[in-house]
Amino acid sequence: MQAMTARLIDGTQIAREIRAQIQVQVEALRPRIGRAPGLATVLVGENPASHAYVRSKRKACREAGMESIHQELPRDCSEAELLERIAQLADDPAVDGILVQLPLPQELDEEKVLAAIPVHKDVDGFHPINIGRLGMKGREPWFVPCTPKGVLELLRRSGARFDGARAVVLGRSNIVGLPVALLLLKENATVVICHSRTRELAALCREADILIAAIGRPRMVGADMVKPGAFVIDVGINRIEDPSAKHGSRLVGDVDFEAVSEIAGALTPVPGGVGPMTIAMLLQNTLDAYRRSAQ
C-alpha cells in the first residue's frame, strides 16, 4: 500500500478566521443593541490549569470586543455561595453567557451547579436540557458544547462528508465523547462510541471515515488503527517527558502524529488543532446569546 501524507487541519488558523468574523459582527451589532456582549466566568479554587484556561478565555473575549465579567471564589466556598453568585449573574441583563470553569472541588455538586445556569445563558452547553435536546431527534439545543462544536467545524471546513459516513469516537466523556457522537449522529453519520471495555478496538477504528480521539492516553492511536484517507481529529492533550524540550516535557495528543500522518487523509496537530477552536466556539456561543437577548 502506498504511503499517504495527511493534509494538516490547522485549528489555529481556522479559529483566527472565526474570531475575526465574530469581532466584525460584534462591532456591527453594538451600536444597535447599545452594549457589548457580556461573558461571565466563574472560577473556584487555585487550580493553575483552570486559572490559565480562564485567562485565555477572558483575553479572547476582550479581543473580540466583548465584556469579560469575572467572579472568583475560594476553594472552601460553600455550594450555597457559588449558587448565589450564579443567580446574581443570571439576573444581570449585561451578562449573556455564564461559564463555570471545571473541574470544581469535589465537595461541590457539579451537576447541581451546571443546572443552576439558565439554559439561555449556558454558553458552555453543559446544562442537562441542552445536552438532552442535543440527543433528541428533531430538537436543537440552545448551545452545543464548545469542544465538540469546534470538532465539527474543523471537519466541515476541511471537506469531510458526514451523510452516511462511518464515524468512530474514542471516549465517552460528558464534555467531548458523548456530545461529539450525538453531533455526528445529527449529521447522519453512522456512529460507534468506543471506550475501555470495547473489544477489537483497532478493527473498529480501521472502519472509520472519521475518527475522533478523546481518551487522554498519549499517542495511543497508531497507524494500524487508521483507515487510509480518513479524517482524524485528535482532542487529547497529554504532557510527556522529553529531555530535548526546553522544560523537559512537551504536549502530545492521543494520536501518534508522525505514524498516522502517513495514513490519514487529514489530521489535526497537538497543539494547534482542536484547542484554539474551543475558545472560538465559546465566543460564537456568546455572540448567539447576545443576539437572542437583543431580540
C-alpha atoms as a PDB file:
ATOM      1  CA  MET A   1       0.000   0.000   0.000  1.00  0.00           C
ATOM      2  CA  GLN A   2       1.345   3.406  -0.959  1.00  0.00           C
ATOM      3  CA  ALA A   3       2.029   5.741   1.985  1.00  0.00           C
ATOM      4  CA  MET A   4      -0.067   8.902   2.199  1.00  0.00           C
ATOM      5  CA  THR A   5       0.798  12.276   3.628  1.00  0.00           C
ATOM      6  CA  ALA A   6      -2.111  13.698   5.596  1.00  0.00           C
ATOM      7  CA  ARG A   7      -3.347  17.223   4.990  1.00  0.00           C
ATOM      8  CA  LEU A   8      -2.851  19.275   8.145  1.00  0.00           C
ATOM      9  CA  ILE A   9      -6.045  20.695   9.641  1.00  0.00           C
ATOM     10  CA  ASP A  10      -4.800  23.980  11.095  1.00  0.00           C
ATOM     11  CA  GLY A  11      -7.094  24.750  14.024  1.00  0.00           C
ATOM     12  CA  THR A  12      -5.111  27.852  14.944  1.00  0.00           C
ATOM     13  CA  GLN A  13      -5.692  29.466  11.560  1.00  0.00           C
ATOM     14  CA  ILE A  14      -9.356  28.419  11.328  1.00  0.00           C
ATOM     15  CA  ALA A  15     -10.019  29.712  14.866  1.00  0.00           C
ATOM     16  CA  ARG A  16      -8.300  33.001  13.989  1.00  0.00           C
ATOM     17  CA  GLU A  17     -10.600  33.449  10.984  1.00  0.00           C
ATOM     18  CA  ILE A  18     -13.708  32.680  13.065  1.00  0.00           C
ATOM     19  CA  ARG A  19     -12.670  35.088  15.840  1.00  0.00           C
ATOM     20  CA  ALA A  20     -12.052  37.852  13.291  1.00  0.00           C
ATOM     21  CA  GLN A  21     -15.562  37.315  11.876  1.00  0.00           C
ATOM     22  CA  ILE A  22     -17.042  37.426  15.384  1.00  0.00           C
ATOM     23  CA  GLN A  23     -15.244  40.711  16.127  1.00  0.00           C
ATOM     24  CA  VAL A  24     -16.700  42.280  12.978  1.00  0.00           C
ATOM     25  CA  GLN A  25     -20.213  41.133  13.931  1.00  0.00           C
ATOM     26  CA  VAL A  26     -19.865  42.469  17.490  1.00  0.00           C
ATOM     27  CA  GLU A  27     -18.762  45.872  16.162  1.00  0.00           C
ATOM     28  CA  ALA A  28     -21.760  45.950  13.821  1.00  0.00           C
ATOM     29  CA  LEU A  29     -24.305  44.950  16.482  1.00  0.00           C
ATOM     30  CA  ARG A  30     -23.025  47.007  19.413  1.00  0.00           C
ATOM     31  CA  PRO A  31     -24.363  50.429  18.304  1.00  0.00           C
ATOM     32  CA  ARG A  32     -27.809  48.966  17.608  1.00  0.00           C
ATOM     33  CA  ILE A  33     -28.057  46.956  20.849  1.00  0.00           C
ATOM     34  CA  GLY A  34     -26.419  49.643  22.964  1.00  0.00           C
ATOM     35  CA  ARG A  35     -23.907  47.467  24.782  1.00  0.00           C
ATOM     36  CA  ALA A  36     -21.232  44.838  24.154  1.00  0.00           C
ATOM     37  CA  PRO A  37     -21.839  41.093  24.635  1.00  0.00           C
ATOM     38  CA  GLY A  38     -21.082  40.034  28.207  1.00  0.00           C
ATOM     39  CA  LEU A  39     -19.403  36.750  29.164  1.00  0.00           C
ATOM     40  CA  ALA A  40     -19.155  35.874  32.855  1.00  0.00           C
ATOM     41  CA  THR A  41     -16.523  33.409  34.033  1.00  0.00           C
ATOM     42  CA  VAL A  42     -16.771  31.795  37.468  1.00  0.00           C
ATOM     43  CA  LEU A  43     -13.636  30.228  38.945  1.00  0.00           C
ATOM     44  CA  VAL A  44     -13.460  28.277  42.199  1.00  0.00           C
ATOM     45  CA  GLY A  45     -10.140  27.485  43.876  1.00  0.00           C
ATOM     46  CA  GLU A  46      -6.490  27.742  42.906  1.00  0.00           C
ATOM     47  CA  ASN A  47      -6.098  25.095  40.181  1.00  0.00           C
ATOM     48  CA  PRO A  48      -3.260  26.505  37.985  1.00  0.00           C
ATOM     49  CA  ALA A  49      -4.619  24.923  34.791  1.00  0.00           C
ATOM     50  CA  SER A  50      -8.090  26.349  35.440  1.00  0.00           C
ATOM     51  CA  HIS A  51      -6.638  29.812  36.047  1.00  0.00           C
ATOM     52  CA  ALA A  52      -4.686  29.581  32.775  1.00  0.00           C
ATOM     53  CA  TYR A  53      -7.788  28.481  30.851  1.00  0.00           C
ATOM     54  CA  VAL A  54      -9.863  31.311  32.264  1.00  0.00           C
ATOM     55  CA  ARG A  55      -7.160  33.898  31.497  1.00  0.00           C
ATOM     56  CA  SER A  56      -7.060  32.788  27.865  1.00  0.00           C
ATOM     57  CA  LYS A  57     -10.870  32.885  27.602  1.00  0.00           C
ATOM     58  CA  ARG A  58     -11.040  36.378  29.108  1.00  0.00           C
ATOM     59  CA  LYS A  59      -8.280  37.626  26.782  1.00  0.00           C
ATOM     60  CA  ALA A  60     -10.092  36.206  23.732  1.00  0.00           C
ATOM     61  CA  CYS A  61     -13.312  37.797  24.955  1.00  0.00           C
ATOM     62  CA  ARG A  62     -11.766  41.257  25.168  1.00  0.00           C
ATOM     63  CA  GLU A  63     -10.079  40.887  21.765  1.00  0.00           C
ATOM     64  CA  ALA A  64     -13.494  40.136  20.237  1.00  0.00           C
ATOM     65  CA  GLY A  65     -14.934  43.357  21.690  1.00  0.00           C
ATOM     66  CA  MET A  66     -16.884  41.574  24.443  1.00  0.00           C
ATOM     67  CA  GLU A  67     -17.128  42.446  28.117  1.00  0.00           C
ATOM     68  CA  SER A  68     -15.432  39.946  30.440  1.00  0.00           C
ATOM     69  CA  ILE A  69     -17.094  39.691  33.856  1.00  0.00           C
ATOM     70  CA  HIS A  70     -15.022  37.560  36.220  1.00  0.00           C
ATOM     71  CA  GLN A  71     -16.101  36.036  39.529  1.00  0.00           C
ATOM     72  CA  GLU A  72     -13.572  34.211  41.701  1.00  0.00           C
ATOM     73  CA  LEU A  73     -14.357  32.182  44.811  1.00  0.00           C
ATOM     74  CA  PRO A  74     -12.038  30.425  47.300  1.00  0.00           C
ATOM     75  CA  ARG A  75     -11.712  26.659  47.199  1.00  0.00           C
ATOM     76  CA  ASP A  76     -13.517  26.307  50.527  1.00  0.00           C
ATOM     77  CA  CYS A  77     -16.566  28.318  49.441  1.00  0.00           C
ATOM     78  CA  SER A  78     -19.924  26.704  50.160  1.00  0.00           C
ATOM     79  CA  GLU A  79     -22.207  25.369  47.473  1.00  0.00           C
ATOM     80  CA  ALA A  80     -24.792  27.953  48.548  1.00  0.00           C
ATOM     81  CA  GLU A  81     -22.279  30.777  47.959  1.00  0.00           C
ATOM     82  CA  LEU A  82     -21.491  29.511  44.471  1.00  0.00           C
ATOM     83  CA  LEU A  83     -25.164  29.088  43.576  1.00  0.00           C
ATOM     84  CA  GLU A  84     -25.911  32.615  44.854  1.00  0.00           C
ATOM     85  CA  ARG A  85     -23.154  34.038  42.657  1.00  0.00           C
ATOM     86  CA  ILE A  86     -24.568  32.219  39.635  1.00  0.00           C
ATOM     87  CA  ALA A  87     -28.063  33.512  40.456  1.00  0.00           C
ATOM     88  CA  GLN A  88     -26.761  37.097  40.509  1.00  0.00           C
ATOM     89  CA  LEU A  89     -25.190  36.654  37.082  1.00  0.00           C
ATOM     90  CA  ALA A  90     -28.351  35.006  35.792  1.00  0.00           C
ATOM     91  CA  ASP A  91     -30.347  38.099  36.742  1.00  0.00           C
ATOM     92  CA  ASP A  92     -27.849  40.556  35.235  1.00  0.00           C
ATOM     93  CA  PRO A  93     -29.081  41.782  31.811  1.00  0.00           C
ATOM     94  CA  ALA A  94     -25.496  42.704  30.832  1.00  0.00           C
ATOM     95  CA  VAL A  95     -24.461  39.041  31.099  1.00  0.00           C
ATOM     96  CA  ASP A  96     -25.288  36.993  28.008  1.00  0.00           C
ATOM     97  CA  GLY A  97     -23.301  33.882  28.882  1.00  0.00           C
ATOM     98  CA  ILE A  98     -22.153  32.208  32.098  1.00  0.00           C
ATOM     99  CA  LEU A  99     -19.227  29.791  32.212  1.00  0.00           C
ATOM    100  CA  VAL A 100     -18.308  27.884  35.382  1.00  0.00           C
ATOM    101  CA  GLN A 101     -14.766  26.575  34.936  1.00  0.00           C
ATOM    102  CA  LEU A 102     -14.476  22.823  35.510  1.00  0.00           C
ATOM    103  CA  PRO A 103     -13.379  20.798  37.375  1.00  0.00           C
ATOM    104  CA  LEU A 104     -14.951  22.036  40.586  1.00  0.00           C
ATOM    105  CA  PRO A 105     -13.702  20.948  44.030  1.00  0.00           C
ATOM    106  CA  GLN A 106     -15.070  17.500  44.907  1.00  0.00           C
ATOM    107  CA  GLU A 107     -17.189  18.905  47.736  1.00  0.00           C
ATOM    108  CA  LEU A 108     -19.371  20.792  45.237  1.00  0.00           C
ATOM    109  CA  ASP A 109     -22.127  19.086  43.257  1.00  0.00           C
ATOM    110  CA  GLU A 110     -21.126  19.696  39.639  1.00  0.00           C
ATOM    111  CA  GLU A 111     -24.489  18.585  38.237  1.00  0.00           C
ATOM    112  CA  LYS A 112     -26.400  20.918  40.575  1.00  0.00           C
ATOM    113  CA  VAL A 113     -24.101  23.844  39.761  1.00  0.00           C
ATOM    114  CA  LEU A 114     -24.377  23.406  35.976  1.00  0.00           C
ATOM    115  CA  ALA A 115     -28.156  23.044  36.225  1.00  0.00           C
ATOM    116  CA  ALA A 116     -28.302  26.401  38.059  1.00  0.00           C
ATOM    117  CA  ILE A 117     -27.081  28.252  34.952  1.00  0.00           C
ATOM    118  CA  PRO A 118     -30.102  29.416  32.926  1.00  0.00           C
ATOM    119  CA  VAL A 119     -30.353  27.372  29.767  1.00  0.00           C
ATOM    120  CA  HIS A 120     -30.315  30.535  27.611  1.00  0.00           C
ATOM    121  CA  LYS A 121     -27.009  31.650  29.203  1.00  0.00           C
ATOM    122  CA  ASP A 122     -25.342  28.216  29.187  1.00  0.00           C
ATOM    123  CA  VAL A 123     -22.657  29.066  26.609  1.00  0.00           C
ATOM    124  CA  ASP A 124     -20.611  26.013  27.651  1.00  0.00           C
ATOM    125  CA  GLY A 125     -23.540  23.830  26.541  1.00  0.00           C
ATOM    126  CA  PHE A 126     -23.440  21.571  29.615  1.00  0.00           C
ATOM    127  CA  HIS A 127     -26.919  22.226  31.048  1.00  0.00           C
ATOM    128  CA  PRO A 128     -28.914  18.957  31.203  1.00  0.00           C
ATOM    129  CA  ILE A 129     -31.604  20.464  28.955  1.00  0.00           C
ATOM    130  CA  ASN A 130     -29.056  21.453  26.305  1.00  0.00           C
ATOM    131  CA  ILE A 131     -27.433  18.004  26.366  1.00  0.00           C
ATOM    132  CA  GLY A 132     -30.878  16.359  26.360  1.00  0.00           C
ATOM    133  CA  ARG A 133     -32.043  18.338  23.327  1.00  0.00           C
ATOM    134  CA  LEU A 134     -28.757  17.546  21.587  1.00  0.00           C
ATOM    135  CA  GLY A 135     -29.584  13.852  21.987  1.00  0.00           C
ATOM    136  CA  MET A 136     -33.164  14.095  20.713  1.00  0.00           C
ATOM    137  CA  LYS A 137     -34.225  13.753  17.113  1.00  0.00           C
ATOM    138  CA  GLY A 138     -35.920  16.889  15.774  1.00  0.00           C
ATOM    139  CA  ARG A 139     -34.698  19.067  18.658  1.00  0.00           C
ATOM    140  CA  GLU A 140     -31.968  21.686  18.758  1.00  0.00           C
ATOM    141  CA  PRO A 141     -30.159  22.806  21.933  1.00  0.00           C
ATOM    142  CA  TRP A 142     -29.722  26.459  22.786  1.00  0.00           C
ATOM    143  CA  PHE A 143     -25.984  25.807  22.774  1.00  0.00           C
ATOM    144  CA  VAL A 144     -23.681  22.986  21.718  1.00  0.00           C
ATOM    145  CA  PRO A 145     -20.641  22.254  23.959  1.00  0.00           C
ATOM    146  CA  CYS A 146     -17.661  24.204  22.656  1.00  0.00           C
ATOM    147  CA  THR A 147     -15.067  21.493  22.012  1.00  0.00           C
ATOM    148  CA  PRO A 148     -17.462  19.132  20.153  1.00  0.00           C
ATOM    149  CA  LYS A 149     -18.797  22.103  18.189  1.00  0.00           C
ATOM    150  CA  GLY A 150     -15.226  23.008  17.269  1.00  0.00           C
ATOM    151  CA  VAL A 151     -14.530  19.434  16.140  1.00  0.00           C
ATOM    152  CA  LEU A 152     -17.494  19.513  13.753  1.00  0.00           C
ATOM    153  CA  GLU A 153     -16.453  22.925  12.419  1.00  0.00           C
ATOM    154  CA  LEU A 154     -12.928  21.655  11.706  1.00  0.00           C
ATOM    155  CA  LEU A 155     -14.357  18.681   9.825  1.00  0.00           C
ATOM    156  CA  ARG A 156     -16.769  20.849   7.791  1.00  0.00           C
ATOM    157  CA  ARG A 157     -14.091  23.344   6.797  1.00  0.00           C
ATOM    158  CA  SER A 158     -11.744  20.502   5.861  1.00  0.00           C
ATOM    159  CA  GLY A 159     -14.217  18.970   3.441  1.00  0.00           C
ATOM    160  CA  ALA A 160     -15.427  15.969   5.449  1.00  0.00           C
ATOM    161  CA  ARG A 161     -18.716  14.431   4.331  1.00  0.00           C
ATOM    162  CA  PHE A 162     -20.964  13.268   7.132  1.00  0.00           C
ATOM    163  CA  ASP A 163     -24.005  11.794   5.390  1.00  0.00           C
ATOM    164  CA  GLY A 164     -23.628   8.007   5.548  1.00  0.00           C
ATOM    165  CA  ALA A 165     -20.015   8.199   6.742  1.00  0.00           C
ATOM    166  CA  ARG A 166     -18.712   5.771   9.359  1.00  0.00           C
ATOM    167  CA  ALA A 167     -17.560   7.696  12.420  1.00  0.00           C
ATOM    168  CA  VAL A 168     -15.746   6.233  15.425  1.00  0.00           C
ATOM    169  CA  VAL A 169     -15.431   8.219  18.660  1.00  0.00           C
ATOM    170  CA  LEU A 170     -12.792   7.079  21.145  1.00  0.00           C
ATOM    171  CA  GLY A 171     -14.029   8.181  24.562  1.00  0.00           C
ATOM    172  CA  ARG A 172     -17.445   8.713  26.166  1.00  0.00           C
ATOM    173  CA  SER A 173     -16.946  11.729  28.442  1.00  0.00           C
ATOM    174  CA  ASN A 174     -19.784  14.185  29.046  1.00  0.00           C
ATOM    175  CA  ILE A 175     -17.573  17.034  27.822  1.00  0.00           C
ATOM    176  CA  VAL A 176     -16.341  15.613  24.496  1.00  0.00           C
ATOM    177  CA  GLY A 177     -17.031  11.980  23.619  1.00  0.00           C
ATOM    178  CA  LEU A 178     -20.780  11.793  24.154  1.00  0.00           C
ATOM    179  CA  PRO A 179     -21.751  15.200  22.671  1.00  0.00           C
ATOM    180  CA  VAL A 180     -19.478  14.841  19.630  1.00  0.00           C
ATOM    181  CA  ALA A 181     -21.056  11.440  18.931  1.00  0.00           C
ATOM    182  CA  LEU A 182     -24.527  12.997  19.149  1.00  0.00           C
ATOM    183  CA  LEU A 183     -23.491  15.790  16.762  1.00  0.00           C
ATOM    184  CA  LEU A 184     -22.169  13.291  14.231  1.00  0.00           C
ATOM    185  CA  LEU A 185     -25.399  11.326  14.534  1.00  0.00           C
ATOM    186  CA  LYS A 186     -27.384  14.505  13.802  1.00  0.00           C
ATOM    187  CA  GLU A 187     -25.267  14.892  10.651  1.00  0.00           C
ATOM    188  CA  ASN A 188     -26.419  11.416   9.522  1.00  0.00           C
ATOM    189  CA  ALA A 189     -23.130   9.639  10.176  1.00  0.00           C
ATOM    190  CA  THR A 190     -23.166   6.050  11.434  1.00  0.00           C
ATOM    191  CA  VAL A 191     -21.519   6.369  14.838  1.00  0.00           C
ATOM    192  CA  VAL A 192     -19.643   3.891  17.039  1.00  0.00           C
ATOM    193  CA  ILE A 193     -18.563   5.013  20.524  1.00  0.00           C
ATOM    194  CA  CYS A 194     -15.545   3.124  21.864  1.00  0.00           C
ATOM    195  CA  HIS A 195     -14.249   3.012  25.436  1.00  0.00           C
ATOM    196  CA  SER A 196     -12.070   0.983  27.815  1.00  0.00           C
ATOM    197  CA  ARG A 197     -14.297  -2.103  27.548  1.00  0.00           C
ATOM    198  CA  THR A 198     -14.565  -2.101  23.745  1.00  0.00           C
ATOM    199  CA  ARG A 199     -13.406  -5.299  22.073  1.00  0.00           C
ATOM    200  CA  GLU A 200     -11.473  -5.404  18.795  1.00  0.00           C
ATOM    201  CA  LEU A 201     -10.800  -1.689  19.092  1.00  0.00           C
ATOM    202  CA  ALA A 202      -8.241  -1.435  16.293  1.00  0.00           C
ATOM    203  CA  ALA A 203     -10.503  -3.224  13.823  1.00  0.00           C
ATOM    204  CA  LEU A 204     -13.401  -0.878  14.611  1.00  0.00           C
ATOM    205  CA  CYS A 205     -11.206   2.189  14.205  1.00  0.00           C
ATOM    206  CA  ARG A 206      -9.933   0.986  10.833  1.00  0.00           C
ATOM    207  CA  GLU A 207     -13.515   1.142   9.504  1.00  0.00           C
ATOM    208  CA  ALA A 208     -13.852   4.854  10.330  1.00  0.00           C
ATOM    209  CA  ASP A 209     -14.056   7.509   7.644  1.00  0.00           C
ATOM    210  CA  ILE A 210     -13.973   9.965  10.573  1.00  0.00           C
ATOM    211  CA  LEU A 211     -12.011   9.092  13.717  1.00  0.00           C
ATOM    212  CA  ILE A 212     -12.255  11.255  16.852  1.00  0.00           C
ATOM    213  CA  ALA A 213      -9.691  10.517  19.593  1.00  0.00           C
ATOM    214  CA  ALA A 214     -10.679  11.830  23.042  1.00  0.00           C
ATOM    215  CA  ILE A 215      -9.384   9.306  25.563  1.00  0.00           C
ATOM    216  CA  GLY A 216      -6.491  11.028  27.353  1.00  0.00           C
ATOM    217  CA  ARG A 217      -3.832   8.412  26.564  1.00  0.00           C
ATOM    218  CA  PRO A 218      -0.717   9.754  24.835  1.00  0.00           C
ATOM    219  CA  ARG A 219      -0.195   8.547  21.262  1.00  0.00           C
ATOM    220  CA  MET A 220      -2.464   5.545  21.727  1.00  0.00           C
ATOM    221  CA  VAL A 221      -3.861   5.695  18.187  1.00  0.00           C
ATOM    222  CA  GLY A 222      -1.264   4.266  15.837  1.00  0.00           C
ATOM    223  CA  ALA A 223      -1.141   3.800  12.075  1.00  0.00           C
ATOM    224  CA  ASP A 224      -2.607   0.297  12.416  1.00  0.00           C
ATOM    225  CA  MET A 225      -5.848   1.830  13.768  1.00  0.00           C
ATOM    226  CA  VAL A 226      -6.484   4.279  10.919  1.00  0.00           C
ATOM    227  CA  LYS A 227      -8.208   3.745   7.580  1.00  0.00           C
ATOM    228  CA  PRO A 228      -6.235   5.167   4.630  1.00  0.00           C
ATOM    229  CA  GLY A 229      -7.609   8.594   3.760  1.00  0.00           C
ATOM    230  CA  ALA A 230      -9.610   9.011   6.998  1.00  0.00           C
ATOM    231  CA  PHE A 231     -10.238  12.330   8.748  1.00  0.00           C
ATOM    232  CA  VAL A 232      -8.568  12.090  12.170  1.00  0.00           C
ATOM    233  CA  ILE A 233      -9.345  14.651  14.889  1.00  0.00           C
ATOM    234  CA  ASP A 234      -7.105  14.483  17.960  1.00  0.00           C
ATOM    235  CA  VAL A 235      -8.771  16.022  21.025  1.00  0.00           C
ATOM    236  CA  GLY A 236      -6.215  14.682  23.504  1.00  0.00           C
ATOM    237  CA  ILE A 237      -3.749  16.916  25.351  1.00  0.00           C
ATOM    238  CA  ASN A 238      -1.112  14.937  27.251  1.00  0.00           C
ATOM    239  CA  ARG A 239       2.186  16.095  28.742  1.00  0.00           C
ATOM    240  CA  ILE A 240       5.060  13.648  28.343  1.00  0.00           C
ATOM    241  CA  GLU A 241       8.710  13.778  29.392  1.00  0.00           C
ATOM    242  CA  ASP A 242      11.123  14.950  26.713  1.00  0.00           C
ATOM    243  CA  PRO A 243      14.693  15.770  27.769  1.00  0.00           C
ATOM    244  CA  SER A 244      15.268  17.584  24.449  1.00  0.00           C
ATOM    245  CA  ALA A 245      12.407  20.032  25.143  1.00  0.00           C
ATOM    246  CA  LYS A 246      13.010  23.380  26.830  1.00  0.00           C
ATOM    247  CA  HIS A 247      11.237  22.455  30.080  1.00  0.00           C
ATOM    248  CA  GLY A 248      11.908  18.729  29.893  1.00  0.00           C
ATOM    249  CA  SER A 249       8.422  17.887  28.650  1.00  0.00           C
ATOM    250  CA  ARG A 250       6.088  18.532  25.729  1.00  0.00           C
ATOM    251  CA  LEU A 251       2.457  18.185  24.726  1.00  0.00           C
ATOM    252  CA  VAL A 252       1.235  15.327  22.550  1.00  0.00           C
ATOM    253  CA  GLY A 253      -2.207  14.124  21.564  1.00  0.00           C
ATOM    254  CA  ASP A 254      -3.958  10.774  21.750  1.00  0.00           C
ATOM    255  CA  VAL A 255      -2.760  10.089  18.190  1.00  0.00           C
ATOM    256  CA  ASP A 256       0.761   9.105  17.144  1.00  0.00           C
ATOM    257  CA  PHE A 257       1.030  12.077  14.804  1.00  0.00           C
ATOM    258  CA  GLU A 258       4.109  11.027  12.821  1.00  0.00           C
ATOM    259  CA  ALA A 259       2.867   7.498  12.138  1.00  0.00           C
ATOM    260  CA  VAL A 260      -0.757   8.408  11.422  1.00  0.00           C
ATOM    261  CA  SER A 261       0.168  11.315   9.136  1.00  0.00           C
ATOM    262  CA  GLU A 262       1.375   8.731   6.603  1.00  0.00           C
ATOM    263  CA  ILE A 263      -2.030   7.003   6.543  1.00  0.00           C
ATOM    264  CA  ALA A 264      -4.761   9.570   7.233  1.00  0.00           C
ATOM    265  CA  GLY A 265      -6.204  11.917   4.636  1.00  0.00           C
ATOM    266  CA  ALA A 266      -6.447  14.846   7.058  1.00  0.00           C
ATOM    267  CA  LEU A 267      -5.214  15.214  10.624  1.00  0.00           C
ATOM    268  CA  THR A 268      -5.176  17.793  13.436  1.00  0.00           C
ATOM    269  CA  PRO A 269      -1.927  18.540  15.293  1.00  0.00           C
ATOM    270  CA  VAL A 270      -1.477  18.857  19.067  1.00  0.00           C
ATOM    271  CA  PRO A 271      -1.115  21.641  19.997  1.00  0.00           C
ATOM    272  CA  GLY A 272      -2.737  23.845  17.367  1.00  0.00           C
ATOM    273  CA  GLY A 273      -5.692  21.686  16.380  1.00  0.00           C
ATOM    274  CA  VAL A 274      -8.851  21.405  18.461  1.00  0.00           C
ATOM    275  CA  GLY A 275      -7.689  23.607  21.371  1.00  0.00           C
ATOM    276  CA  PRO A 276      -7.962  27.011  19.651  1.00  0.00           C
ATOM    277  CA  MET A 277     -11.388  26.028  18.299  1.00  0.00           C
ATOM    278  CA  THR A 278     -12.821  25.555  21.784  1.00  0.00           C
ATOM    279  CA  ILE A 279     -12.354  29.240  22.626  1.00  0.00           C
ATOM    280  CA  ALA A 280     -13.569  30.329  19.180  1.00  0.00           C
ATOM    281  CA  MET A 281     -16.796  28.345  19.687  1.00  0.00           C
ATOM    282  CA  LEU A 282     -17.234  29.822  23.175  1.00  0.00           C
ATOM    283  CA  LEU A 283     -17.141  33.287  21.598  1.00  0.00           C
ATOM    284  CA  GLN A 284     -19.571  32.139  18.897  1.00  0.00           C
ATOM    285  CA  ASN A 285     -21.995  30.825  21.529  1.00  0.00           C
ATOM    286  CA  THR A 286     -21.728  34.110  23.448  1.00  0.00           C
ATOM    287  CA  LEU A 287     -22.435  36.086  20.273  1.00  0.00           C
ATOM    288  CA  ASP A 288     -25.508  33.897  19.620  1.00  0.00           C
ATOM    289  CA  ALA A 289     -26.737  34.510  23.178  1.00  0.00           C
ATOM    290  CA  TYR A 290     -26.179  38.254  22.711  1.00  0.00           C
ATOM    291  CA  ARG A 291     -28.273  38.272  19.537  1.00  0.00           C
ATOM    292  CA  ARG A 292     -31.102  36.341  21.219  1.00  0.00           C
ATOM    293  CA  SER A 293     -31.164  38.640  24.263  1.00  0.00           C
ATOM    294  CA  ALA A 294     -31.480  41.633  21.934  1.00  0.00           C
ATOM    295  CA  GLN A 295     -34.446  40.022  20.202  1.00  0.00           C
END
